[in-house]
Every structure is written in C-alpha cells, then in structure tokens.
C-alpha cells in the first residue's frame, strides 16, 4: 500500500508545516487511499512548503476545507508571502482573494 512518507524528500523539513496545518506526525505512515480530500490538499501544500519554494502555484488551495483548515492554509500562505515569497493562486472565493491578494485579476463570464 502506498503511504505518504515516500512522497516527501525531507520529512524533517515538512514536520513544522504538517503541525501548523493540524495534521499529525503519523500522517507520513498513513496509506494515501485512506486520506480525505482535505488531508490530501494539506499534505500537498506541506510537501511543497518543505522544499522552500520562492513561488507557490496554487489552484483552489482551500476548496472543500472547513473554516479551521482554511484558516490554517491561508495563514501558511500569508507567512510565505511575509517572508518574501510569491504565490500565484486561482480561487473562486472572492473573499479569500480579498484577504490574500496584493494584486488580482477577476474574470466574469469568461468563455474559451
């Protein structure tokens, strides 16, 4: 069974992010197919943050999360921005865009 741990290159670097998003350290031993969608989202962001990226490319990073988890993810993104990082994010949540963005583009009735 495929577990979470092998998908991380540096588990020690990931642990602080894991804890800040309300996930347990034993999440690394959890089978991936038993994770909820929200847990997968938060683990994906944890995995990205452990690599110390300059820029995050995020698509609906909090969709499907409850208020507590959304707040934790947004705090992590804000912390990244405060430290000089960049985040390019797509969201359908206008309130979230207002909370996080310093520059935003809004598409209405867009067609291909």
PDB file of N, CA and C in Angstrom:
ATOM      1  N   UNK A   1       0.836  -1.175   0.000  1.00  0.00           N
ATOM      2  CA  UNK A   1       0.000   0.000   0.000  1.00  0.00           C
ATOM      3  C   UNK A   1       0.886   1.245   0.000  1.00  0.00           C
ATOM      4  N   UNK A   2       0.569   2.198  -0.844  1.00  0.00           N
ATOM      5  CA  UNK A   2       1.340   3.431  -0.966  1.00  0.00           C
ATOM      6  C   UNK A   2       1.051   4.353   0.217  1.00  0.00           C
ATOM      7  N   UNK A   3       2.106   4.736   0.937  1.00  0.00           N
ATOM      8  CA  UNK A   3       1.938   5.614   2.086  1.00  0.00           C
ATOM      9  C   UNK A   3       2.471   7.013   1.775  1.00  0.00           C
ATOM     10  N   UNK A   4       2.184   7.943   2.648  1.00  0.00           N
ATOM     11  CA  UNK A   4       2.521   9.353   2.442  1.00  0.00           C
ATOM     12  C   UNK A   4       4.024   9.604   2.478  1.00  0.00           C
ATOM     13  N   UNK A   5       4.721   9.044   3.441  1.00  0.00           N
ATOM     14  CA  UNK A   5       6.131   9.344   3.687  1.00  0.00           C
ATOM     15  C   UNK A   5       7.050   9.326   2.484  1.00  0.00           C
ATOM     16  N   UNK A   6       7.004   8.301   1.630  1.00  0.00           N
ATOM     17  CA  UNK A   6       7.916   8.248   0.492  1.00  0.00           C
ATOM     18  C   UNK A   6       7.733   9.388  -0.521  1.00  0.00           C
ATOM     19  N   UNK A   7       6.656  10.130  -0.412  1.00  0.00           N
ATOM     20  CA  UNK A   7       6.411  11.243  -1.334  1.00  0.00           C
ATOM     21  C   UNK A   7       7.076  12.535  -0.867  1.00  0.00           C
ATOM     22  N   UNK A   8       7.746  12.484   0.273  1.00  0.00           N
ATOM     23  CA  UNK A   8       8.445  13.641   0.821  1.00  0.00           C
ATOM     24  C   UNK A   8       9.944  13.416   0.722  1.00  0.00           C
ATOM     25  N   UNK A   9      10.671  14.423   0.238  1.00  0.00           N
ATOM     26  CA  UNK A   9      12.128  14.292   0.151  1.00  0.00           C
ATOM     27  C   UNK A   9      12.801  14.606   1.475  1.00  0.00           C
ATOM     28  N   UNK A  10      12.157  15.412   2.326  1.00  0.00           N
ATOM     29  CA  UNK A  10      12.739  15.794   3.615  1.00  0.00           C
ATOM     30  C   UNK A  10      11.626  15.866   4.667  1.00  0.00           C
ATOM     31  N   UNK A  11      11.398  14.756   5.343  1.00  0.00           N
ATOM     32  CA  UNK A  11      10.324  14.685   6.341  1.00  0.00           C
ATOM     33  C   UNK A  11      10.580  15.655   7.484  1.00  0.00           C
ATOM     34  N   UNK A  12      11.828  15.814   7.890  1.00  0.00           N
ATOM     35  CA  UNK A  12      12.143  16.742   8.986  1.00  0.00           C
ATOM     36  C   UNK A  12      11.748  18.173   8.619  1.00  0.00           C
ATOM     37  N   UNK A  13      11.986  18.568   7.384  1.00  0.00           N
ATOM     38  CA  UNK A  13      11.619  19.920   6.939  1.00  0.00           C
ATOM     39  C   UNK A  13      10.110  20.076   6.831  1.00  0.00           C
ATOM     40  N   UNK A  14       9.412  18.984   6.604  1.00  0.00           N
ATOM     41  CA  UNK A  14       7.955  19.036   6.430  1.00  0.00           C
ATOM     42  C   UNK A  14       7.203  19.068   7.760  1.00  0.00           C
ATOM     43  N   UNK A  15       7.789  18.541   8.816  1.00  0.00           N
ATOM     44  CA  UNK A  15       7.074  18.405  10.097  1.00  0.00           C
ATOM     45  C   UNK A  15       6.496  19.721  10.627  1.00  0.00           C
ATOM     46  N   UNK A  16       7.235  20.825  10.631  1.00  0.00           N
ATOM     47  CA  UNK A  16       6.634  22.068  11.149  1.00  0.00           C
ATOM     48  C   UNK A  16       5.404  22.504  10.345  1.00  0.00           C
ATOM     49  N   UNK A  17       5.425  22.290   9.047  1.00  0.00           N
ATOM     50  CA  UNK A  17       4.275  22.653   8.218  1.00  0.00           C
ATOM     51  C   UNK A  17       3.111  21.705   8.483  1.00  0.00           C
ATOM     52  N   UNK A  18       3.430  20.457   8.668  1.00  0.00           N
ATOM     53  CA  UNK A  18       2.412  19.454   8.956  1.00  0.00           C
ATOM     54  C   UNK A  18       1.647  19.832  10.223  1.00  0.00           C
ATOM     55  N   UNK A  19       2.380  20.163  11.252  1.00  0.00           N
ATOM     56  CA  UNK A  19       1.771  20.523  12.526  1.00  0.00           C
ATOM     57  C   UNK A  19       0.968  21.814  12.413  1.00  0.00           C
ATOM     58  N   UNK A  20       1.468  22.789  11.620  1.00  0.00           N
ATOM     59  CA  UNK A  20       0.760  24.064  11.500  1.00  0.00           C
ATOM     60  C   UNK A  20      -0.564  23.914  10.755  1.00  0.00           C
ATOM     61  N   UNK A  21      -0.738  22.810  10.046  1.00  0.00           N
ATOM     62  CA  UNK A  21      -1.985  22.572   9.328  1.00  0.00           C
ATOM     63  C   UNK A  21      -2.860  21.531  10.009  1.00  0.00           C
ATOM     64  N   UNK A  22      -2.565  21.263  11.266  1.00  0.00           N
ATOM     65  CA  UNK A  22      -3.432  20.385  12.038  1.00  0.00           C
ATOM     66  C   UNK A  22      -3.341  18.919  11.674  1.00  0.00           C
ATOM     67  N   UNK A  23      -2.229  18.519  11.113  1.00  0.00           N
ATOM     68  CA  UNK A  23      -2.024  17.112  10.763  1.00  0.00           C
ATOM     69  C   UNK A  23      -1.025  16.496  11.728  1.00  0.00           C
ATOM     70  N   UNK A  24      -1.193  15.227  12.026  1.00  0.00           N
ATOM     71  CA  UNK A  24      -0.325  14.533  12.961  1.00  0.00           C
ATOM     72  C   UNK A  24       0.947  14.048  12.274  1.00  0.00           C
ATOM     73  N   UNK A  25       2.002  13.905  13.071  1.00  0.00           N
ATOM     74  CA  UNK A  25       3.272  13.409  12.544  1.00  0.00           C
ATOM     75  C   UNK A  25       3.131  11.990  11.995  1.00  0.00           C
ATOM     76  N   UNK A  26       2.152  11.238  12.498  1.00  0.00           N
ATOM     77  CA  UNK A  26       1.964   9.878  11.987  1.00  0.00           C
ATOM     78  C   UNK A  26       1.282   9.860  10.615  1.00  0.00           C
ATOM     79  N   UNK A  27       0.969  11.035  10.088  1.00  0.00           N
ATOM     80  CA  UNK A  27       0.387  11.118   8.740  1.00  0.00           C
ATOM     81  C   UNK A  27       1.327  10.537   7.688  1.00  0.00           C
ATOM     82  N   UNK A  28       2.629  10.576   7.949  1.00  0.00           N
ATOM     83  CA  UNK A  28       3.608  10.050   6.995  1.00  0.00           C
ATOM     84  C   UNK A  28       3.456   8.536   6.807  1.00  0.00           C
ATOM     85  N   UNK A  29       2.906   7.857   7.807  1.00  0.00           N
ATOM     86  CA  UNK A  29       2.728   6.402   7.738  1.00  0.00           C
ATOM     87  C   UNK A  29       1.358   5.995   7.206  1.00  0.00           C
ATOM     88  N   UNK A  30       0.515   6.978   6.950  1.00  0.00           N
ATOM     89  CA  UNK A  30      -0.866   6.705   6.542  1.00  0.00           C
ATOM     90  C   UNK A  30      -0.942   6.286   5.068  1.00  0.00           C
ATOM     91  N   UNK A  31      -1.736   5.282   4.758  1.00  0.00           N
ATOM     92  CA  UNK A  31      -1.961   4.922   3.352  1.00  0.00           C
ATOM     93  C   UNK A  31      -2.688   6.070   2.633  1.00  0.00           C
ATOM     94  N   UNK A  32      -2.222   6.413   1.476  1.00  0.00           N
ATOM     95  CA  UNK A  32      -2.779   7.541   0.725  1.00  0.00           C
ATOM     96  C   UNK A  32      -4.255   7.336   0.418  1.00  0.00           C
ATOM     97  N   UNK A  33      -4.643   6.124   0.111  1.00  0.00           N
ATOM     98  CA  UNK A  33      -6.042   5.883  -0.261  1.00  0.00           C
ATOM     99  C   UNK A  33      -7.010   6.021   0.915  1.00  0.00           C
ATOM    100  N   UNK A  34      -6.491   6.193   2.110  1.00  0.00           N
ATOM    101  CA  UNK A  34      -7.359   6.390   3.280  1.00  0.00           C
ATOM    102  C   UNK A  34      -7.466   7.855   3.692  1.00  0.00           C
ATOM    103  N   UNK A  35      -6.804   8.741   2.962  1.00  0.00           N
ATOM    104  CA  UNK A  35      -6.832  10.165   3.289  1.00  0.00           C
ATOM    105  C   UNK A  35      -8.069  10.833   2.708  1.00  0.00           C
ATOM    106  N   UNK A  36      -8.599  11.798   3.423  1.00  0.00           N
ATOM    107  CA  UNK A  36      -9.698  12.598   2.874  1.00  0.00           C
ATOM    108  C   UNK A  36      -9.137  13.567   1.844  1.00  0.00           C
ATOM    109  N   UNK A  37     -10.004  14.165   1.071  1.00  0.00           N
ATOM    110  CA  UNK A  37      -9.579  15.154   0.077  1.00  0.00           C
ATOM    111  C   UNK A  37      -8.870  16.316   0.770  1.00  0.00           C
ATOM    112  N   UNK A  38      -9.408  16.775   1.884  1.00  0.00           N
ATOM    113  CA  UNK A  38      -8.793  17.874   2.623  1.00  0.00           C
ATOM    114  C   UNK A  38      -7.419  17.523   3.157  1.00  0.00           C
ATOM    115  N   UNK A  39      -7.258  16.298   3.650  1.00  0.00           N
ATOM    116  CA  UNK A  39      -5.950  15.866   4.127  1.00  0.00           C
ATOM    117  C   UNK A  39      -4.953  15.813   2.969  1.00  0.00           C
ATOM    118  N   UNK A  40      -5.397  15.347   1.834  1.00  0.00           N
ATOM    119  CA  UNK A  40      -4.510  15.300   0.658  1.00  0.00           C
ATOM    120  C   UNK A  40      -4.085  16.702   0.244  1.00  0.00           C
ATOM    121  N   UNK A  41      -5.046  17.643   0.257  1.00  0.00           N
ATOM    122  CA  UNK A  41      -4.719  19.028  -0.095  1.00  0.00           C
ATOM    123  C   UNK A  41      -3.666  19.593   0.849  1.00  0.00           C
ATOM    124  N   UNK A  42      -3.891  19.423   2.147  1.00  0.00           N
ATOM    125  CA  UNK A  42      -2.966  19.980   3.130  1.00  0.00           C
ATOM    126  C   UNK A  42      -1.607  19.293   3.078  1.00  0.00           C
ATOM    127  N   UNK A  43      -1.591  17.999   2.819  1.00  0.00           N
ATOM    128  CA  UNK A  43      -0.310  17.294   2.681  1.00  0.00           C
ATOM    129  C   UNK A  43       0.425  17.741   1.420  1.00  0.00           C
ATOM    130  N   UNK A  44      -0.302  18.008   0.358  1.00  0.00           N
ATOM    131  CA  UNK A  44       0.325  18.509  -0.867  1.00  0.00           C
ATOM    132  C   UNK A  44       0.995  19.854  -0.637  1.00  0.00           C
ATOM    133  N   UNK A  45       0.312  20.731   0.077  1.00  0.00           N
ATOM    134  CA  UNK A  45       0.903  22.033   0.380  1.00  0.00           C
ATOM    135  C   UNK A  45       2.088  21.875   1.334  1.00  0.00           C
ATOM    136  N   UNK A  46       1.971  20.972   2.282  1.00  0.00           N
ATOM    137  CA  UNK A  46       3.082  20.684   3.189  1.00  0.00           C
ATOM    138  C   UNK A  46       4.304  20.216   2.408  1.00  0.00           C
ATOM    139  N   UNK A  47       4.070  19.332   1.469  1.00  0.00           N
ATOM    140  CA  UNK A  47       5.159  18.806   0.633  1.00  0.00           C
ATOM    141  C   UNK A  47       5.832  19.923  -0.150  1.00  0.00           C
ATOM    142  N   UNK A  48       5.023  20.821  -0.711  1.00  0.00           N
ATOM    143  CA  UNK A  48       5.573  21.954  -1.465  1.00  0.00           C
ATOM    144  C   UNK A  48       6.375  22.882  -0.553  1.00  0.00           C
ATOM    145  N   UNK A  49       5.826  23.210   0.609  1.00  0.00           N
ATOM    146  CA  UNK A  49       6.482  24.151   1.512  1.00  0.00           C
ATOM    147  C   UNK A  49       7.800  23.597   2.052  1.00  0.00           C
ATOM    148  N   UNK A  50       7.892  22.300   2.226  1.00  0.00           N
ATOM    149  CA  UNK A  50       9.121  21.685   2.724  1.00  0.00           C
ATOM    150  C   UNK A  50      10.285  21.879   1.762  1.00  0.00           C
ATOM    151  N   UNK A  51       9.980  22.187   0.507  1.00  0.00           N
ATOM    152  CA  UNK A  51      11.027  22.415  -0.493  1.00  0.00           C
ATOM    153  C   UNK A  51      11.500  23.867  -0.523  1.00  0.00           C
ATOM    154  N   UNK A  52      10.944  24.713   0.352  1.00  0.00           N
ATOM    155  CA  UNK A  52      11.280  26.139   0.441  1.00  0.00           C
ATOM    156  C   UNK A  52      11.194  26.841  -0.918  1.00  0.00           C
ATOM    157  N   UNK A  53      10.024  26.808  -1.534  1.00  0.00           N
ATOM    158  CA  UNK A  53       9.901  27.413  -2.866  1.00  0.00           C
ATOM    159  C   UNK A  53       9.880  28.941  -2.786  1.00  0.00           C
ATOM    160  N   UNK A  54      10.361  29.578  -3.832  1.00  0.00           N
ATOM    161  CA  UNK A  54      10.229  31.030  -3.941  1.00  0.00           C
ATOM    162  C   UNK A  54       8.809  31.391  -4.346  1.00  0.00           C
ATOM    163  N   UNK A  55       8.215  30.537  -5.178  1.00  0.00           N
ATOM    164  CA  UNK A  55       6.892  30.818  -5.720  1.00  0.00           C
ATOM    165  C   UNK A  55       5.992  29.592  -5.566  1.00  0.00           C
ATOM    166  N   UNK A  56       4.785  29.841  -5.070  1.00  0.00           N
ATOM    167  CA  UNK A  56       3.774  28.786  -4.980  1.00  0.00           C
ATOM    168  C   UNK A  56       2.770  28.978  -6.107  1.00  0.00           C
ATOM    169  N   UNK A  57       2.451  27.946  -6.828  1.00  0.00           N
ATOM    170  CA  UNK A  57       1.387  27.954  -7.826  1.00  0.00           C
ATOM    171  C   UNK A  57       0.243  27.145  -7.248  1.00  0.00           C
ATOM    172  N   UNK A  58      -0.854  27.813  -6.930  1.00  0.00           N
ATOM    173  CA  UNK A  58      -1.939  27.178  -6.192  1.00  0.00           C
ATOM    174  C   UNK A  58      -3.254  27.277  -6.956  1.00  0.00           C
ATOM    175  N   UNK A  59      -3.938  26.169  -7.052  1.00  0.00           N
ATOM    176  CA  UNK A  59      -5.265  26.138  -7.664  1.00  0.00           C
ATOM    177  C   UNK A  59      -6.254  25.696  -6.599  1.00  0.00           C
ATOM    178  N   UNK A  60      -7.139  26.597  -6.199  1.00  0.00           N
ATOM    179  CA  UNK A  60      -8.165  26.307  -5.191  1.00  0.00           C
ATOM    180  C   UNK A  60      -7.567  25.588  -3.979  1.00  0.00           C
ATOM    181  N   UNK A  61      -6.572  26.205  -3.320  1.00  0.00           N
ATOM    182  CA  UNK A  61      -5.884  25.505  -2.235  1.00  0.00           C
ATOM    183  C   UNK A  61      -6.742  25.213  -1.011  1.00  0.00           C
ATOM    184  N   UNK A  62      -7.910  25.847  -0.901  1.00  0.00           N
ATOM    185  CA  UNK A  62      -8.746  25.610   0.273  1.00  0.00           C
ATOM    186  C   UNK A  62     -10.142  25.109  -0.075  1.00  0.00           C
ATOM    187  N   UNK A  63     -10.371  24.774  -1.327  1.00  0.00           N
ATOM    188  CA  UNK A  63     -11.701  24.288  -1.688  1.00  0.00           C
ATOM    189  C   UNK A  63     -11.984  22.989  -0.944  1.00  0.00           C
ATOM    190  N   UNK A  64     -13.153  22.898  -0.384  1.00  0.00           N
ATOM    191  CA  UNK A  64     -13.551  21.700   0.333  1.00  0.00           C
ATOM    192  C   UNK A  64     -13.046  21.623   1.764  1.00  0.00           C
ATOM    193  N   UNK A  65     -12.303  22.632   2.220  1.00  0.00           N
ATOM    194  CA  UNK A  65     -11.814  22.607   3.597  1.00  0.00           C
ATOM    195  C   UNK A  65     -12.797  23.322   4.513  1.00  0.00           C
ATOM    196  N   UNK A  66     -12.855  22.877   5.753  1.00  0.00           N
ATOM    197  CA  UNK A  66     -13.690  23.578   6.730  1.00  0.00           C
ATOM    198  C   UNK A  66     -13.002  24.885   7.132  1.00  0.00           C
ATOM    199  N   UNK A  67     -13.693  25.705   7.909  1.00  0.00           N
ATOM    200  CA  UNK A  67     -13.174  27.029   8.267  1.00  0.00           C
ATOM    201  C   UNK A  67     -11.834  26.956   8.994  1.00  0.00           C
ATOM    202  N   UNK A  68     -11.694  26.018   9.905  1.00  0.00           N
ATOM    203  CA  UNK A  68     -10.446  25.894  10.667  1.00  0.00           C
ATOM    204  C   UNK A  68      -9.280  25.579   9.743  1.00  0.00           C
ATOM    205  N   UNK A  69      -9.463  24.588   8.868  1.00  0.00           N
ATOM    206  CA  UNK A  69      -8.383  24.202   7.969  1.00  0.00           C
ATOM    207  C   UNK A  69      -8.115  25.274   6.923  1.00  0.00           C
ATOM    208  N   UNK A  70      -9.165  25.942   6.456  1.00  0.00           N
ATOM    209  CA  UNK A  70      -8.969  27.046   5.510  1.00  0.00           C
ATOM    210  C   UNK A  70      -8.115  28.133   6.154  1.00  0.00           C
ATOM    211  N   UNK A  71      -8.422  28.465   7.395  1.00  0.00           N
ATOM    212  CA  UNK A  71      -7.663  29.493   8.102  1.00  0.00           C
ATOM    213  C   UNK A  71      -6.200  29.089   8.253  1.00  0.00           C
ATOM    214  N   UNK A  72      -5.958  27.817   8.555  1.00  0.00           N
ATOM    215  CA  UNK A  72      -4.582  27.334   8.704  1.00  0.00           C
ATOM    216  C   UNK A  72      -3.818  27.410   7.386  1.00  0.00           C
ATOM    217  N   UNK A  73      -4.452  27.030   6.299  1.00  0.00           N
ATOM    218  CA  UNK A  73      -3.799  27.080   4.986  1.00  0.00           C
ATOM    219  C   UNK A  73      -3.533  28.531   4.592  1.00  0.00           C
ATOM    220  N   UNK A  74      -4.509  29.397   4.801  1.00  0.00           N
ATOM    221  CA  UNK A  74      -4.316  30.805   4.466  1.00  0.00           C
ATOM    222  C   UNK A  74      -3.192  31.420   5.304  1.00  0.00           C
ATOM    223  N   UNK A  75      -3.094  31.037   6.565  1.00  0.00           N
ATOM    224  CA  UNK A  75      -2.015  31.541   7.417  1.00  0.00           C
ATOM    225  C   UNK A  75      -0.657  31.095   6.880  1.00  0.00           C
ATOM    226  N   UNK A  76      -0.579  29.868   6.405  1.00  0.00           N
ATOM    227  CA  UNK A  76       0.662  29.360   5.831  1.00  0.00           C
ATOM    228  C   UNK A  76       1.034  30.143   4.571  1.00  0.00           C
ATOM    229  N   UNK A  77       0.046  30.412   3.734  1.00  0.00           N
ATOM    230  CA  UNK A  77       0.295  31.198   2.520  1.00  0.00           C
ATOM    231  C   UNK A  77       0.738  32.610   2.891  1.00  0.00           C
ATOM    232  N   UNK A  78       0.057  33.239   3.850  1.00  0.00           N
ATOM    233  CA  UNK A  78       0.426  34.591   4.291  1.00  0.00           C
ATOM    234  C   UNK A  78       1.844  34.620   4.849  1.00  0.00           C
ATOM    235  N   UNK A  79       2.198  33.611   5.609  1.00  0.00           N
ATOM    236  CA  UNK A  79       3.549  33.528   6.156  1.00  0.00           C
ATOM    237  C   UNK A  79       4.579  33.450   5.034  1.00  0.00           C
ATOM    238  N   UNK A  80       4.267  32.673   4.016  1.00  0.00           N
ATOM    239  CA  UNK A  80       5.149  32.557   2.850  1.00  0.00           C
ATOM    240  C   UNK A  80       5.325  33.927   2.189  1.00  0.00           C
ATOM    241  N   UNK A  81       4.235  34.660   2.036  1.00  0.00           N
ATOM    242  CA  UNK A  81       4.277  35.983   1.414  1.00  0.00           C
ATOM    243  C   UNK A  81       5.051  36.977   2.281  1.00  0.00           C
ATOM    244  N   UNK A  82       4.847  36.915   3.587  1.00  0.00           N
ATOM    245  CA  UNK A  82       5.535  37.816   4.521  1.00  0.00           C
ATOM    246  C   UNK A  82       7.044  37.634   4.452  1.00  0.00           C
ATOM    247  N   UNK A  83       7.477  36.415   4.185  1.00  0.00           N
ATOM    248  CA  UNK A  83       8.910  36.117   4.100  1.00  0.00           C
ATOM    249  C   UNK A  83       9.493  36.431   2.721  1.00  0.00           C
ATOM    250  N   UNK A  84       8.698  37.098   1.871  1.00  0.00           N
ATOM    251  CA  UNK A  84       9.192  37.489   0.556  1.00  0.00           C
ATOM    252  C   UNK A  84       8.854  36.523  -0.555  1.00  0.00           C
ATOM    253  N   UNK A  85       8.099  35.490  -0.253  1.00  0.00           N
ATOM    254  CA  UNK A  85       7.696  34.533  -1.277  1.00  0.00           C
ATOM    255  C   UNK A  85       6.595  35.097  -2.157  1.00  0.00           C
ATOM    256  N   UNK A  86       6.337  34.397  -3.217  1.00  0.00           N
ATOM    257  CA  UNK A  86       5.306  34.767  -4.186  1.00  0.00           C
ATOM    258  C   UNK A  86       4.287  33.635  -4.239  1.00  0.00           C
ATOM    259  N   UNK A  87       3.043  33.983  -4.435  1.00  0.00           N
ATOM    260  CA  UNK A  87       2.006  32.971  -4.638  1.00  0.00           C
ATOM    261  C   UNK A  87       1.124  33.423  -5.790  1.00  0.00           C
ATOM    262  N   UNK A  88       0.969  32.565  -6.753  1.00  0.00           N
ATOM    263  CA  UNK A  88       0.032  32.771  -7.850  1.00  0.00           C
ATOM    264  C   UNK A  88      -1.092  31.782  -7.603  1.00  0.00           C
ATOM    265  N   UNK A  89      -2.289  32.311  -7.358  1.00  0.00           N
ATOM    266  CA  UNK A  89      -3.372  31.453  -6.904  1.00  0.00           C
ATOM    267  C   UNK A  89      -4.638  31.688  -7.716  1.00  0.00           C
ATOM    268  N   UNK A  90      -5.294  30.606  -8.057  1.00  0.00           N
ATOM    269  CA  UNK A  90      -6.614  30.659  -8.669  1.00  0.00           C
ATOM    270  C   UNK A  90      -7.609  30.292  -7.584  1.00  0.00           C
ATOM    271  N   UNK A  91      -8.630  31.123  -7.425  1.00  0.00           N
ATOM    272  CA  UNK A  91      -9.675  30.832  -6.447  1.00  0.00           C
ATOM    273  C   UNK A  91     -11.010  31.352  -6.959  1.00  0.00           C
ATOM    274  N   UNK A  92     -12.061  30.656  -6.595  1.00  0.00           N
ATOM    275  CA  UNK A  92     -13.421  31.119  -6.890  1.00  0.00           C
ATOM    276  C   UNK A  92     -13.998  31.844  -5.684  1.00  0.00           C
ATOM    277  N   UNK A  93     -13.219  31.931  -4.617  1.00  0.00           N
ATOM    278  CA  UNK A  93     -13.649  32.552  -3.372  1.00  0.00           C
ATOM    279  C   UNK A  93     -13.186  34.015  -3.364  1.00  0.00           C
ATOM    280  N   UNK A  94     -14.084  34.924  -3.711  1.00  0.00           N
ATOM    281  CA  UNK A  94     -13.748  36.342  -3.795  1.00  0.00           C
ATOM    282  C   UNK A  94     -13.267  36.881  -2.455  1.00  0.00           C
ATOM    283  N   UNK A  95     -13.886  36.450  -1.361  1.00  0.00           N
ATOM    284  CA  UNK A  95     -13.462  36.902  -0.037  1.00  0.00           C
ATOM    285  C   UNK A  95     -12.019  36.471   0.240  1.00  0.00           C
ATOM    286  N   UNK A  96     -11.665  35.277  -0.180  1.00  0.00           N
ATOM    287  CA  UNK A  96     -10.302  34.795   0.010  1.00  0.00           C
ATOM    288  C   UNK A  96      -9.325  35.631  -0.812  1.00  0.00           C
ATOM    289  N   UNK A  97      -9.690  35.933  -2.027  1.00  0.00           N
ATOM    290  CA  UNK A  97      -8.835  36.771  -2.870  1.00  0.00           C
ATOM    291  C   UNK A  97      -8.608  38.126  -2.202  1.00  0.00           C
ATOM    292  N   UNK A  98      -9.647  38.682  -1.628  1.00  0.00           N
ATOM    293  CA  UNK A  98      -9.520  39.969  -0.934  1.00  0.00           C
ATOM    294  C   UNK A  98      -8.618  39.858   0.292  1.00  0.00           C
ATOM    295  N   UNK A  99      -8.675  38.737   0.979  1.00  0.00           N
ATOM    296  CA  UNK A  99      -7.843  38.546   2.172  1.00  0.00           C
ATOM    297  C   UNK A  99      -6.374  38.375   1.834  1.00  0.00           C
ATOM    298  N   UNK A 100      -6.065  37.716   0.733  1.00  0.00           N
ATOM    299  CA  UNK A 100      -4.686  37.308   0.454  1.00  0.00           C
ATOM    300  C   UNK A 100      -3.973  38.113  -0.628  1.00  0.00           C
ATOM    301  N   UNK A 101      -4.704  38.658  -1.562  1.00  0.00           N
ATOM    302  CA  UNK A 101      -4.075  39.231  -2.749  1.00  0.00           C
ATOM    303  C   UNK A 101      -3.574  40.655  -2.551  1.00  0.00           C
ATOM    304  N   UNK A 102      -2.437  40.925  -3.159  1.00  0.00           N
ATOM    305  CA  UNK A 102      -1.980  42.304  -3.293  1.00  0.00           C
ATOM    306  C   UNK A 102      -2.262  42.795  -4.711  1.00  0.00           C
ATOM    307  N   UNK A 103      -2.456  41.858  -5.609  1.00  0.00           N
ATOM    308  CA  UNK A 103      -2.819  42.141  -6.994  1.00  0.00           C
ATOM    309  C   UNK A 103      -3.745  41.028  -7.435  1.00  0.00           C
ATOM    310  N   UNK A 104      -4.839  41.381  -8.081  1.00  0.00           N
ATOM    311  CA  UNK A 104      -5.755  40.329  -8.509  1.00  0.00           C
ATOM    312  C   UNK A 104      -6.348  40.651  -9.877  1.00  0.00           C
ATOM    313  N   UNK A 105      -6.702  39.604 -10.571  1.00  0.00           N
ATOM    314  CA  UNK A 105      -7.426  39.681 -11.836  1.00  0.00           C
ATOM    315  C   UNK A 105      -8.720  38.924 -11.645  1.00  0.00           C
ATOM    316  N   UNK A 106      -9.804  39.513 -12.083  1.00  0.00           N
ATOM    317  CA  UNK A 106     -11.094  38.859 -11.929  1.00  0.00           C
ATOM    318  C   UNK A 106     -11.702  38.634 -13.306  1.00  0.00           C
ATOM    319  N   UNK A 107     -12.089  37.403 -13.558  1.00  0.00           N
ATOM    320  CA  UNK A 107     -12.743  37.041 -14.810  1.00  0.00           C
ATOM    321  C   UNK A 107     -14.207  36.810 -14.539  1.00  0.00           C
ATOM    322  N   UNK A 108     -15.058  37.416 -15.341  1.00  0.00           N
ATOM    323  CA  UNK A 108     -16.502  37.213 -15.245  1.00  0.00           C
ATOM    324  C   UNK A 108     -17.006  36.753 -16.595  1.00  0.00           C
ATOM    325  N   UNK A 109     -17.861  35.757 -16.558  1.00  0.00           N
ATOM    326  CA  UNK A 109     -18.476  35.234 -17.777  1.00  0.00           C
ATOM    327  C   UNK A 109     -17.445  34.931 -18.859  1.00  0.00           C
ATOM    328  N   UNK A 110     -16.301  34.408 -18.430  1.00  0.00           N
ATOM    329  CA  UNK A 110     -15.234  34.097 -19.380  1.00  0.00           C
ATOM    330  C   UNK A 110     -15.632  32.934 -20.270  1.00  0.00           C
ATOM    331  N   UNK A 111     -15.268  33.034 -21.498  1.00  0.00           N
ATOM    332  CA  UNK A 111     -15.537  31.966 -22.472  1.00  0.00           C
ATOM    333  C   UNK A 111     -14.209  31.539 -23.103  1.00  0.00           C
ATOM    334  N   UNK A 112     -14.187  30.281 -23.495  1.00  0.00           N
ATOM    335  CA  UNK A 112     -12.989  29.775 -24.165  1.00  0.00           C
ATOM    336  C   UNK A 112     -12.961  30.226 -25.590  1.00  0.00           C
TER     337      UNK A 112
END
